[in-house]
Amino acid sequence: MEEAMVEYRDHLVTYAAIDIGSNAVRLLIKQLEDGMQPHFTKVLLLRVPLRLGFDVFSNGGRISDRKRKDLVRLMKSYRQLMKIYNVSDYRACATSAMRDASNRKEIIKEVVRKTGINIEIIDGQEEARMIYNNHIENIRGYKGNYMYVDVGGGSTEINLLADGDLICSKSYNIGTVRMLNDSVSEGEWMRFRSDLEDLAASYPGINIIGSGGNINKLYKLIEPRDRRLPRMSVASLKVLHERLKSMSVRQRMDEYGLKADRADVIVPAGEIFLTVVSLTGASYIYVPVIGLSDGIIDGLYTKHLAGLGV
């Protein structure tokens, strides 16, 4: 029986996604389960807070030698884990911090030379679309206006859908790590506010769908919360945000059990989401567990189907 299970596992199609963000680097591995309706099962999710953005946004745009070495070490570890899980295909994508890093090319060359992992730097528009594509099946055919908002360490991505059709994908250099380093320009804030005001005027009654580790954590901290739907009211988010903002990082860690790399960025994340809802007039934020890593794996699956001529 054990041998049969091993043989079955080895024939499963397994994908991996590496998301190199401004705050953390994630490895997600999923297996494709065959059946009447194929679906993915998550088998591994790791998150390591390398915090590359703290170098890039406050160190003259350069990733330090220490964090460069740490990134190489981490990629070596992820490579071994992908071998253990018999990964069929993978994609490693870097976002805002690596986009802005002046030494990104030499780091990418070193990583591929020492680990075999090829890192792709994706722009904000592609990042937004990958997040959107991961959940189009959940929204297509729905009536109404929906805005996906993904808040990261270096950027915020927005996708607007009207009656299931993608209207626009936008990316802004506004992120939690940038805010902590006072590295968001007033011009970017003005563009962000102006765009959202225009979208809200053209597409009234927008529903907000939040993405990213911070909004997931904020949702879990809300009490009481609606357990029938994964959503939080804007009013409850405002109360929690004000309380968190009044605390030190150490107090947030002690009272809410937050890790250090979450306790500092969770306040600017709340500020970004509250800015979005104030400009759109939304009353709730829906919080399904979605993110870039899932979008990467969906893209790999789509490529696999195209190769089969499906």
C-alpha atoms as a PDB file:
ATOM      1  CA  MET A   1       0.000   0.000   0.000  1.00  0.00           C
ATOM      2  CA  GLU A   2       2.792   2.410   0.925  1.00  0.00           C
ATOM      3  CA  GLU A   3       4.578   1.747  -2.376  1.00  0.00           C
ATOM      4  CA  ALA A   4       1.346   2.370  -4.265  1.00  0.00           C
ATOM      5  CA  MET A   5       0.875   5.710  -2.478  1.00  0.00           C
ATOM      6  CA  VAL A   6       4.414   6.793  -3.332  1.00  0.00           C
ATOM      7  CA  GLU A   7       3.889   5.836  -6.972  1.00  0.00           C
ATOM      8  CA  TYR A   8       0.593   7.768  -7.024  1.00  0.00           C
ATOM      9  CA  ARG A   9       2.240  10.850  -5.500  1.00  0.00           C
ATOM     10  CA  ASP A  10       5.045  10.745  -8.040  1.00  0.00           C
ATOM     11  CA  HIS A  11       2.519  10.887 -10.886  1.00  0.00           C
ATOM     12  CA  LEU A  12       0.715  13.942  -9.534  1.00  0.00           C
ATOM     13  CA  VAL A  13       1.401  17.222 -11.268  1.00  0.00           C
ATOM     14  CA  THR A  14       3.006  19.526  -8.714  1.00  0.00           C
ATOM     15  CA  TYR A  15       3.689  23.232  -9.148  1.00  0.00           C
ATOM     16  CA  ALA A  16       5.695  25.704  -7.093  1.00  0.00           C
ATOM     17  CA  ALA A  17       5.595  29.479  -6.852  1.00  0.00           C
ATOM     18  CA  ILE A  18       8.283  31.676  -5.348  1.00  0.00           C
ATOM     19  CA  ASP A  19       7.126  35.199  -4.536  1.00  0.00           C
ATOM     20  CA  ILE A  20      10.034  37.527  -3.709  1.00  0.00           C
ATOM     21  CA  GLY A  21       8.320  40.483  -2.120  1.00  0.00           C
ATOM     22  CA  SER A  22       9.487  43.623  -0.375  1.00  0.00           C
ATOM     23  CA  ASN A  23       8.767  42.230   3.079  1.00  0.00           C
ATOM     24  CA  ALA A  24       8.874  38.437   2.750  1.00  0.00           C
ATOM     25  CA  VAL A  25       9.828  35.653   0.337  1.00  0.00           C
ATOM     26  CA  ARG A  26       7.261  32.873  -0.008  1.00  0.00           C
ATOM     27  CA  LEU A  27       7.342  29.355  -1.392  1.00  0.00           C
ATOM     28  CA  LEU A  28       3.984  27.797  -2.247  1.00  0.00           C
ATOM     29  CA  ILE A  29       3.703  24.226  -3.534  1.00  0.00           C
ATOM     30  CA  LYS A  30       0.423  22.800  -4.798  1.00  0.00           C
ATOM     31  CA  GLN A  31      -0.562  19.442  -6.270  1.00  0.00           C
ATOM     32  CA  LEU A  32      -3.118  19.116  -9.027  1.00  0.00           C
ATOM     33  CA  GLU A  33      -5.706  16.522  -8.051  1.00  0.00           C
ATOM     34  CA  ASP A  34      -7.393  14.882 -11.027  1.00  0.00           C
ATOM     35  CA  GLY A  35     -11.096  14.228 -11.039  1.00  0.00           C
ATOM     36  CA  MET A  36     -14.337  15.372 -12.611  1.00  0.00           C
ATOM     37  CA  GLN A  37     -13.232  18.914 -11.776  1.00  0.00           C
ATOM     38  CA  PRO A  38      -9.471  19.169 -11.235  1.00  0.00           C
ATOM     39  CA  HIS A  39      -8.455  21.198  -8.211  1.00  0.00           C
ATOM     40  CA  PHE A  40      -5.295  22.127  -6.355  1.00  0.00           C
ATOM     41  CA  THR A  41      -4.284  20.990  -2.889  1.00  0.00           C
ATOM     42  CA  LYS A  42      -1.756  23.081  -0.983  1.00  0.00           C
ATOM     43  CA  VAL A  43       1.047  20.867   0.279  1.00  0.00           C
ATOM     44  CA  LEU A  44       3.542  23.469   1.499  1.00  0.00           C
ATOM     45  CA  LEU A  45       3.639  27.189   2.263  1.00  0.00           C
ATOM     46  CA  LEU A  46       6.728  28.857   3.701  1.00  0.00           C
ATOM     47  CA  ARG A  47       7.278  32.539   4.416  1.00  0.00           C
ATOM     48  CA  VAL A  48      10.669  34.001   5.326  1.00  0.00           C
ATOM     49  CA  PRO A  49      10.840  37.738   6.178  1.00  0.00           C
ATOM     50  CA  LEU A  50      13.980  38.806   4.304  1.00  0.00           C
ATOM     51  CA  ARG A  51      12.629  42.390   4.197  1.00  0.00           C
ATOM     52  CA  LEU A  52      14.475  43.386   1.032  1.00  0.00           C
ATOM     53  CA  GLY A  53      12.472  46.582   0.832  1.00  0.00           C
ATOM     54  CA  PHE A  54      14.053  47.969   3.973  1.00  0.00           C
ATOM     55  CA  ASP A  55      17.365  47.954   2.092  1.00  0.00           C
ATOM     56  CA  VAL A  56      16.066  49.228  -1.226  1.00  0.00           C
ATOM     57  CA  PHE A  57      13.789  51.985   0.055  1.00  0.00           C
ATOM     58  CA  SER A  58      16.231  53.365   2.626  1.00  0.00           C
ATOM     59  CA  ASN A  59      19.703  52.322   1.424  1.00  0.00           C
ATOM     60  CA  GLY A  60      20.126  54.244  -1.785  1.00  0.00           C
ATOM     61  CA  GLY A  61      18.193  51.685  -3.798  1.00  0.00           C
ATOM     62  CA  ARG A  62      20.635  48.840  -3.204  1.00  0.00           C
ATOM     63  CA  ILE A  63      20.205  45.405  -1.607  1.00  0.00           C
ATOM     64  CA  SER A  64      22.948  44.892   0.966  1.00  0.00           C
ATOM     65  CA  ASP A  65      25.553  42.137   0.733  1.00  0.00           C
ATOM     66  CA  ARG A  66      24.074  40.495   3.830  1.00  0.00           C
ATOM     67  CA  LYS A  67      20.592  40.229   2.375  1.00  0.00           C
ATOM     68  CA  ARG A  68      21.965  39.201  -1.008  1.00  0.00           C
ATOM     69  CA  LYS A  69      23.703  36.260   0.675  1.00  0.00           C
ATOM     70  CA  ASP A  70      20.542  35.442   2.633  1.00  0.00           C
ATOM     71  CA  LEU A  71      18.501  35.433  -0.572  1.00  0.00           C
ATOM     72  CA  VAL A  72      20.944  32.988  -2.194  1.00  0.00           C
ATOM     73  CA  ARG A  73      20.822  30.728   0.880  1.00  0.00           C
ATOM     74  CA  LEU A  74      17.030  30.809   0.857  1.00  0.00           C
ATOM     75  CA  MET A  75      16.809  29.993  -2.855  1.00  0.00           C
ATOM     76  CA  LYS A  76      19.107  27.003  -2.292  1.00  0.00           C
ATOM     77  CA  SER A  77      16.719  25.778   0.425  1.00  0.00           C
ATOM     78  CA  TYR A  78      13.652  26.315  -1.741  1.00  0.00           C
ATOM     79  CA  ARG A  79      15.338  24.464  -4.598  1.00  0.00           C
ATOM     80  CA  GLN A  80      15.891  21.416  -2.394  1.00  0.00           C
ATOM     81  CA  LEU A  81      12.300  21.499  -1.153  1.00  0.00           C
ATOM     82  CA  MET A  82      11.026  21.591  -4.730  1.00  0.00           C
ATOM     83  CA  LYS A  83      13.094  18.473  -5.443  1.00  0.00           C
ATOM     84  CA  ILE A  84      11.703  16.712  -2.363  1.00  0.00           C
ATOM     85  CA  TYR A  85       8.132  17.469  -3.449  1.00  0.00           C
ATOM     86  CA  ASN A  86       8.869  16.407  -7.037  1.00  0.00           C
ATOM     87  CA  VAL A  87       7.817  19.754  -8.497  1.00  0.00           C
ATOM     88  CA  SER A  88       6.945  19.542 -12.190  1.00  0.00           C
ATOM     89  CA  ASP A  89       7.260  23.248 -12.942  1.00  0.00           C
ATOM     90  CA  TYR A  90       7.900  26.446 -11.031  1.00  0.00           C
ATOM     91  CA  ARG A  91       8.128  30.181 -11.455  1.00  0.00           C
ATOM     92  CA  ALA A  92      10.024  32.652  -9.271  1.00  0.00           C
ATOM     93  CA  CYS A  93       8.743  36.221  -9.454  1.00  0.00           C
ATOM     94  CA  ALA A  94      10.182  39.313  -7.792  1.00  0.00           C
ATOM     95  CA  THR A  95       8.132  42.449  -7.290  1.00  0.00           C
ATOM     96  CA  SER A  96       8.588  46.017  -6.076  1.00  0.00           C
ATOM     97  CA  ALA A  97      11.835  45.872  -4.059  1.00  0.00           C
ATOM     98  CA  MET A  98      13.741  43.975  -6.737  1.00  0.00           C
ATOM     99  CA  ARG A  99      12.239  46.187  -9.445  1.00  0.00           C
ATOM    100  CA  ASP A 100      13.782  49.206  -7.722  1.00  0.00           C
ATOM    101  CA  ALA A 101      17.081  47.627  -6.628  1.00  0.00           C
ATOM    102  CA  SER A 102      20.068  49.076  -8.482  1.00  0.00           C
ATOM    103  CA  ASN A 103      21.996  45.783  -8.139  1.00  0.00           C
ATOM    104  CA  ARG A 104      19.107  43.512  -9.201  1.00  0.00           C
ATOM    105  CA  LYS A 105      20.844  42.195 -12.346  1.00  0.00           C
ATOM    106  CA  GLU A 106      23.954  40.981 -10.543  1.00  0.00           C
ATOM    107  CA  ILE A 107      21.827  39.385  -7.802  1.00  0.00           C
ATOM    108  CA  ILE A 108      19.679  37.532 -10.329  1.00  0.00           C
ATOM    109  CA  LYS A 109      22.803  36.260 -12.096  1.00  0.00           C
ATOM    110  CA  GLU A 110      24.285  35.052  -8.810  1.00  0.00           C
ATOM    111  CA  VAL A 111      21.084  33.277  -7.797  1.00  0.00           C
ATOM    112  CA  VAL A 112      20.749  31.398 -11.076  1.00  0.00           C
ATOM    113  CA  ARG A 113      24.448  30.495 -11.053  1.00  0.00           C
ATOM    114  CA  LYS A 114      24.440  29.148  -7.498  1.00  0.00           C
ATOM    115  CA  THR A 115      20.946  27.671  -7.259  1.00  0.00           C
ATOM    116  CA  GLY A 116      19.617  27.161 -10.784  1.00  0.00           C
ATOM    117  CA  ILE A 117      16.564  29.265  -9.969  1.00  0.00           C
ATOM    118  CA  ASN A 118      15.779  31.932 -12.539  1.00  0.00           C
ATOM    119  CA  ILE A 119      14.146  34.985 -10.964  1.00  0.00           C
ATOM    120  CA  GLU A 120      11.820  37.050 -13.143  1.00  0.00           C
ATOM    121  CA  ILE A 121      11.163  40.657 -12.207  1.00  0.00           C
ATOM    122  CA  ILE A 122       7.540  41.405 -13.050  1.00  0.00           C
ATOM    123  CA  ASP A 123       6.118  44.888 -13.388  1.00  0.00           C
ATOM    124  CA  GLY A 124       3.168  46.165 -11.400  1.00  0.00           C
ATOM    125  CA  GLN A 125       0.667  45.617 -14.199  1.00  0.00           C
ATOM    126  CA  GLU A 126       1.585  41.948 -14.565  1.00  0.00           C
ATOM    127  CA  GLU A 127       1.518  41.510 -10.796  1.00  0.00           C
ATOM    128  CA  ALA A 128      -2.002  42.957 -10.677  1.00  0.00           C
ATOM    129  CA  ARG A 129      -3.217  40.744 -13.516  1.00  0.00           C
ATOM    130  CA  MET A 130      -1.733  37.582 -12.004  1.00  0.00           C
ATOM    131  CA  ILE A 131      -3.592  38.221  -8.761  1.00  0.00           C
ATOM    132  CA  TYR A 132      -6.778  38.914 -10.716  1.00  0.00           C
ATOM    133  CA  ASN A 133      -6.454  35.839 -12.964  1.00  0.00           C
ATOM    134  CA  ASN A 134      -6.266  33.584  -9.900  1.00  0.00           C
ATOM    135  CA  HIS A 135      -9.822  34.474  -8.939  1.00  0.00           C
ATOM    136  CA  ILE A 136     -11.608  35.284 -12.173  1.00  0.00           C
ATOM    137  CA  GLU A 137     -13.502  31.977 -11.931  1.00  0.00           C
ATOM    138  CA  ASN A 138     -14.991  33.124  -8.625  1.00  0.00           C
ATOM    139  CA  ILE A 139     -16.293  36.418  -9.976  1.00  0.00           C
ATOM    140  CA  ARG A 140     -17.173  35.839 -13.654  1.00  0.00           C
ATOM    141  CA  GLY A 141     -20.906  36.106 -14.134  1.00  0.00           C
ATOM    142  CA  TYR A 142     -21.390  38.035 -10.897  1.00  0.00           C
ATOM    143  CA  LYS A 143     -23.275  41.277 -11.248  1.00  0.00           C
ATOM    144  CA  GLY A 144     -21.866  44.425  -9.750  1.00  0.00           C
ATOM    145  CA  ASN A 145     -18.551  46.214  -9.412  1.00  0.00           C
ATOM    146  CA  TYR A 146     -15.633  44.597  -7.602  1.00  0.00           C
ATOM    147  CA  MET A 147     -12.203  45.979  -6.827  1.00  0.00           C
ATOM    148  CA  TYR A 148      -9.373  43.612  -5.907  1.00  0.00           C
ATOM    149  CA  VAL A 149      -6.864  45.436  -3.733  1.00  0.00           C
ATOM    150  CA  ASP A 150      -3.524  43.740  -3.026  1.00  0.00           C
ATOM    151  CA  VAL A 151      -1.312  45.618  -0.553  1.00  0.00           C
ATOM    152  CA  GLY A 152       2.331  44.600  -0.449  1.00  0.00           C
ATOM    153  CA  GLY A 153       5.494  45.953   1.055  1.00  0.00           C
ATOM    154  CA  GLY A 154       6.510  47.968  -1.989  1.00  0.00           C
ATOM    155  CA  SER A 155       3.373  48.428  -4.062  1.00  0.00           C
ATOM    156  CA  THR A 156      -0.403  48.243  -4.152  1.00  0.00           C
ATOM    157  CA  GLU A 157      -2.159  46.552  -7.061  1.00  0.00           C
ATOM    158  CA  ILE A 158      -5.754  47.228  -8.018  1.00  0.00           C
ATOM    159  CA  ASN A 159      -8.045  45.361 -10.437  1.00  0.00           C
ATOM    160  CA  LEU A 160     -11.528  46.651 -11.185  1.00  0.00           C
ATOM    161  CA  LEU A 161     -14.202  44.292 -12.514  1.00  0.00           C
ATOM    162  CA  ALA A 162     -17.696  45.231 -13.689  1.00  0.00           C
ATOM    163  CA  ASP A 163     -20.202  42.394 -14.076  1.00  0.00           C
ATOM    164  CA  GLY A 164     -17.320  39.916 -14.266  1.00  0.00           C
ATOM    165  CA  ASP A 165     -15.295  41.783 -16.905  1.00  0.00           C
ATOM    166  CA  LEU A 166     -11.868  43.239 -16.145  1.00  0.00           C
ATOM    167  CA  ILE A 167     -11.986  47.005 -16.632  1.00  0.00           C
ATOM    168  CA  CYS A 168      -8.480  47.961 -15.574  1.00  0.00           C
ATOM    169  CA  SER A 169      -5.369  46.851 -13.698  1.00  0.00           C
ATOM    170  CA  LYS A 170      -3.278  49.470 -11.945  1.00  0.00           C
ATOM    171  CA  SER A 171      -0.164  49.450  -9.794  1.00  0.00           C
ATOM    172  CA  TYR A 172       1.123  52.116  -7.410  1.00  0.00           C
ATOM    173  CA  ASN A 173       4.442  52.504  -5.605  1.00  0.00           C
ATOM    174  CA  ILE A 174       2.587  52.660  -2.314  1.00  0.00           C
ATOM    175  CA  GLY A 175       3.371  49.860   0.114  1.00  0.00           C
ATOM    176  CA  THR A 176       3.796  49.190   3.785  1.00  0.00           C
ATOM    177  CA  VAL A 177       7.603  49.076   3.790  1.00  0.00           C
ATOM    178  CA  ARG A 178       7.798  52.192   1.621  1.00  0.00           C
ATOM    179  CA  MET A 179       5.523  53.994   4.077  1.00  0.00           C
ATOM    180  CA  LEU A 180       7.599  52.945   7.077  1.00  0.00           C
ATOM    181  CA  ASN A 181      10.654  54.357   5.284  1.00  0.00           C
ATOM    182  CA  ASP A 182       8.786  57.526   4.249  1.00  0.00           C
ATOM    183  CA  SER A 183       9.499  56.646   0.611  1.00  0.00           C
ATOM    184  CA  VAL A 184       6.087  57.231  -0.982  1.00  0.00           C
ATOM    185  CA  SER A 185       6.003  60.424  -3.016  1.00  0.00           C
ATOM    186  CA  GLU A 186       3.116  62.846  -2.675  1.00  0.00           C
ATOM    187  CA  GLY A 187       2.669  62.600  -6.429  1.00  0.00           C
ATOM    188  CA  GLU A 188       2.032  58.849  -6.158  1.00  0.00           C
ATOM    189  CA  TRP A 189      -0.531  59.405  -3.408  1.00  0.00           C
ATOM    190  CA  MET A 190      -2.232  62.022  -5.608  1.00  0.00           C
ATOM    191  CA  ARG A 191      -2.343  59.629  -8.566  1.00  0.00           C
ATOM    192  CA  PHE A 192      -3.725  56.877  -6.335  1.00  0.00           C
ATOM    193  CA  ARG A 193      -6.491  59.082  -4.911  1.00  0.00           C
ATOM    194  CA  SER A 194      -7.368  60.627  -8.268  1.00  0.00           C
ATOM    195  CA  ASP A 195      -7.649  57.252 -10.016  1.00  0.00           C
ATOM    196  CA  LEU A 196      -9.837  55.759  -7.281  1.00  0.00           C
ATOM    197  CA  GLU A 197     -12.107  58.790  -7.209  1.00  0.00           C
ATOM    198  CA  ASP A 198     -12.570  58.539 -10.983  1.00  0.00           C
ATOM    199  CA  LEU A 199     -13.279  54.787 -10.808  1.00  0.00           C
ATOM    200  CA  ALA A 200     -15.752  55.241  -7.964  1.00  0.00           C
ATOM    201  CA  ALA A 201     -17.612  57.918  -9.957  1.00  0.00           C
ATOM    202  CA  SER A 202     -17.774  55.732 -13.073  1.00  0.00           C
ATOM    203  CA  TYR A 203     -18.552  52.461 -11.265  1.00  0.00           C
ATOM    204  CA  PRO A 204     -20.705  53.170  -8.197  1.00  0.00           C
ATOM    205  CA  GLY A 205     -21.341  50.644  -5.448  1.00  0.00           C
ATOM    206  CA  ILE A 206     -17.873  49.089  -5.587  1.00  0.00           C
ATOM    207  CA  ASN A 207     -17.262  46.011  -3.427  1.00  0.00           C
ATOM    208  CA  ILE A 208     -13.712  45.708  -2.082  1.00  0.00           C
ATOM    209  CA  ILE A 209     -11.885  42.359  -2.054  1.00  0.00           C
ATOM    210  CA  GLY A 210      -8.650  42.489  -0.062  1.00  0.00           C
ATOM    211  CA  SER A 211      -5.508  40.477  -0.734  1.00  0.00           C
ATOM    212  CA  GLY A 212      -2.230  40.070   1.119  1.00  0.00           C
ATOM    213  CA  GLY A 213      -0.990  38.870   4.471  1.00  0.00           C
ATOM    214  CA  ASN A 214      -1.876  42.049   6.325  1.00  0.00           C
ATOM    215  CA  ILE A 215      -5.568  42.153   5.447  1.00  0.00           C
ATOM    216  CA  ASN A 216      -5.823  38.435   6.277  1.00  0.00           C
ATOM    217  CA  LYS A 217      -4.292  39.109   9.688  1.00  0.00           C
ATOM    218  CA  LEU A 218      -6.498  42.155  10.306  1.00  0.00           C
ATOM    219  CA  TYR A 219      -9.555  40.052   9.509  1.00  0.00           C
ATOM    220  CA  LYS A 220      -8.469  37.399  12.024  1.00  0.00           C
ATOM    221  CA  LEU A 221      -7.999  40.064  14.708  1.00  0.00           C
ATOM    222  CA  ILE A 222     -11.498  41.492  14.269  1.00  0.00           C
ATOM    223  CA  GLU A 223     -13.901  40.415  17.014  1.00  0.00           C
ATOM    224  CA  PRO A 224     -16.701  39.689  16.624  1.00  0.00           C
ATOM    225  CA  ARG A 225     -16.532  38.867  12.910  1.00  0.00           C
ATOM    226  CA  ASP A 226     -19.034  37.461  10.472  1.00  0.00           C
ATOM    227  CA  ARG A 227     -18.065  33.788  10.182  1.00  0.00           C
ATOM    228  CA  ARG A 228     -20.603  33.115   7.427  1.00  0.00           C
ATOM    229  CA  LEU A 229     -18.750  35.378   4.987  1.00  0.00           C
ATOM    230  CA  PRO A 230     -15.019  36.153   4.878  1.00  0.00           C
ATOM    231  CA  ARG A 231     -15.506  39.887   5.277  1.00  0.00           C
ATOM    232  CA  MET A 232     -15.013  42.689   7.761  1.00  0.00           C
ATOM    233  CA  SER A 233     -16.951  45.908   8.143  1.00  0.00           C
ATOM    234  CA  VAL A 234     -15.114  49.155   7.520  1.00  0.00           C
ATOM    235  CA  ALA A 235     -16.314  50.378  10.915  1.00  0.00           C
ATOM    236  CA  SER A 236     -14.681  47.443  12.716  1.00  0.00           C
ATOM    237  CA  LEU A 237     -11.459  47.892  10.711  1.00  0.00           C
ATOM    238  CA  LYS A 238     -11.319  51.561  11.722  1.00  0.00           C
ATOM    239  CA  VAL A 239     -11.632  50.666  15.406  1.00  0.00           C
ATOM    240  CA  LEU A 240      -8.916  48.013  15.193  1.00  0.00           C
ATOM    241  CA  HIS A 241      -6.633  50.254  13.134  1.00  0.00           C
ATOM    242  CA  GLU A 242      -6.846  53.102  15.648  1.00  0.00           C
ATOM    243  CA  ARG A 243      -6.057  50.718  18.473  1.00  0.00           C
ATOM    244  CA  LEU A 244      -3.059  49.231  16.681  1.00  0.00           C
ATOM    245  CA  LYS A 245      -1.802  52.676  15.715  1.00  0.00           C
ATOM    246  CA  SER A 246      -1.842  53.789  19.356  1.00  0.00           C
ATOM    247  CA  MET A 247       0.452  50.908  20.366  1.00  0.00           C
ATOM    248  CA  SER A 248       4.161  50.380  20.019  1.00  0.00           C
ATOM    249  CA  VAL A 249       5.413  47.498  17.865  1.00  0.00           C
ATOM    250  CA  ARG A 250       6.268  45.583  21.039  1.00  0.00           C
ATOM    251  CA  GLN A 251       2.751  46.104  22.427  1.00  0.00           C
ATOM    252  CA  ARG A 252       1.191  44.835  19.198  1.00  0.00           C
ATOM    253  CA  MET A 253       3.353  41.729  19.405  1.00  0.00           C
ATOM    254  CA  ASP A 254       2.458  41.085  23.036  1.00  0.00           C
ATOM    255  CA  GLU A 255      -1.275  41.814  22.881  1.00  0.00           C
ATOM    256  CA  TYR A 256      -2.116  40.347  19.489  1.00  0.00           C
ATOM    257  CA  GLY A 257       0.582  37.694  19.143  1.00  0.00           C
ATOM    258  CA  LEU A 258       2.028  39.304  16.033  1.00  0.00           C
ATOM    259  CA  LYS A 259       5.491  38.542  14.719  1.00  0.00           C
ATOM    260  CA  ALA A 260       7.891  41.476  14.560  1.00  0.00           C
ATOM    261  CA  ASP A 261       7.810  41.622  10.767  1.00  0.00           C
ATOM    262  CA  ARG A 262       4.016  41.830  10.839  1.00  0.00           C
ATOM    263  CA  ALA A 263       3.607  44.135  13.827  1.00  0.00           C
ATOM    264  CA  ASP A 264       5.217  47.105  12.105  1.00  0.00           C
ATOM    265  CA  VAL A 265       3.693  46.841   8.613  1.00  0.00           C
ATOM    266  CA  ILE A 266       0.132  46.099   9.716  1.00  0.00           C
ATOM    267  CA  VAL A 267      -0.578  49.754  10.563  1.00  0.00           C
ATOM    268  CA  PRO A 268       0.374  51.264   7.177  1.00  0.00           C
ATOM    269  CA  ALA A 269      -1.529  48.390   5.523  1.00  0.00           C
ATOM    270  CA  GLY A 270      -4.633  49.387   7.428  1.00  0.00           C
ATOM    271  CA  GLU A 271      -4.124  52.977   6.343  1.00  0.00           C
ATOM    272  CA  ILE A 272      -3.972  51.986   2.675  1.00  0.00           C
ATOM    273  CA  PHE A 273      -7.150  49.894   2.875  1.00  0.00           C
ATOM    274  CA  LEU A 274      -8.977  52.627   4.773  1.00  0.00           C
ATOM    275  CA  THR A 275      -7.939  55.123   2.094  1.00  0.00           C
ATOM    276  CA  VAL A 276      -9.391  52.810  -0.568  1.00  0.00           C
ATOM    277  CA  VAL A 277     -12.742  52.425   1.193  1.00  0.00           C
ATOM    278  CA  SER A 278     -12.994  56.144   1.930  1.00  0.00           C
ATOM    279  CA  LEU A 279     -12.545  56.924  -1.776  1.00  0.00           C
ATOM    280  CA  THR A 280     -14.914  54.213  -3.012  1.00  0.00           C
ATOM    281  CA  GLY A 281     -17.573  54.411  -0.297  1.00  0.00           C
ATOM    282  CA  ALA A 282     -17.439  50.679   0.411  1.00  0.00           C
ATOM    283  CA  SER A 283     -18.894  49.413   3.704  1.00  0.00           C
ATOM    284  CA  TYR A 284     -17.170  46.007   3.773  1.00  0.00           C
ATOM    285  CA  ILE A 285     -13.913  44.394   2.717  1.00  0.00           C
ATOM    286  CA  TYR A 286     -14.167  40.771   1.614  1.00  0.00           C
ATOM    287  CA  VAL A 287     -11.109  38.749   2.628  1.00  0.00           C
ATOM    288  CA  PRO A 288     -10.667  35.462   0.759  1.00  0.00           C
ATOM    289  CA  VAL A 289      -7.188  33.964   1.073  1.00  0.00           C
ATOM    290  CA  ILE A 290      -5.663  35.106  -2.207  1.00  0.00           C
ATOM    291  CA  GLY A 291      -2.244  36.245  -3.289  1.00  0.00           C
ATOM    292  CA  LEU A 292       0.412  36.431  -5.953  1.00  0.00           C
ATOM    293  CA  SER A 293       1.743  32.916  -5.272  1.00  0.00           C
ATOM    294  CA  ASP A 294      -1.652  31.412  -6.134  1.00  0.00           C
ATOM    295  CA  GLY A 295      -1.736  33.484  -9.323  1.00  0.00           C
ATOM    296  CA  ILE A 296       1.702  32.193 -10.326  1.00  0.00           C
ATOM    297  CA  ILE A 297       0.554  28.580  -9.965  1.00  0.00           C
ATOM    298  CA  ASP A 298      -2.631  29.211 -11.918  1.00  0.00           C
ATOM    299  CA  GLY A 299      -0.449  30.632 -14.686  1.00  0.00           C
ATOM    300  CA  LEU A 300       1.706  27.496 -14.697  1.00  0.00           C
ATOM    301  CA  TYR A 301      -1.408  25.332 -14.957  1.00  0.00           C
ATOM    302  CA  THR A 302      -2.727  27.427 -17.856  1.00  0.00           C
ATOM    303  CA  LYS A 303       0.627  27.013 -19.625  1.00  0.00           C
ATOM    304  CA  HIS A 304       0.421  23.251 -19.026  1.00  0.00           C
ATOM    305  CA  LEU A 305      -3.047  23.075 -20.567  1.00  0.00           C
ATOM    306  CA  ALA A 306      -1.914  25.120 -23.567  1.00  0.00           C
ATOM    307  CA  GLY A 307       0.938  22.649 -24.091  1.00  0.00           C
ATOM    308  CA  LEU A 308      -1.605  19.833 -24.182  1.00  0.00           C
ATOM    309  CA  GLY A 309      -3.731  21.747 -26.673  1.00  0.00           C
ATOM    310  CA  VAL A 310      -6.613  22.076 -24.222  1.00  0.00           C
END
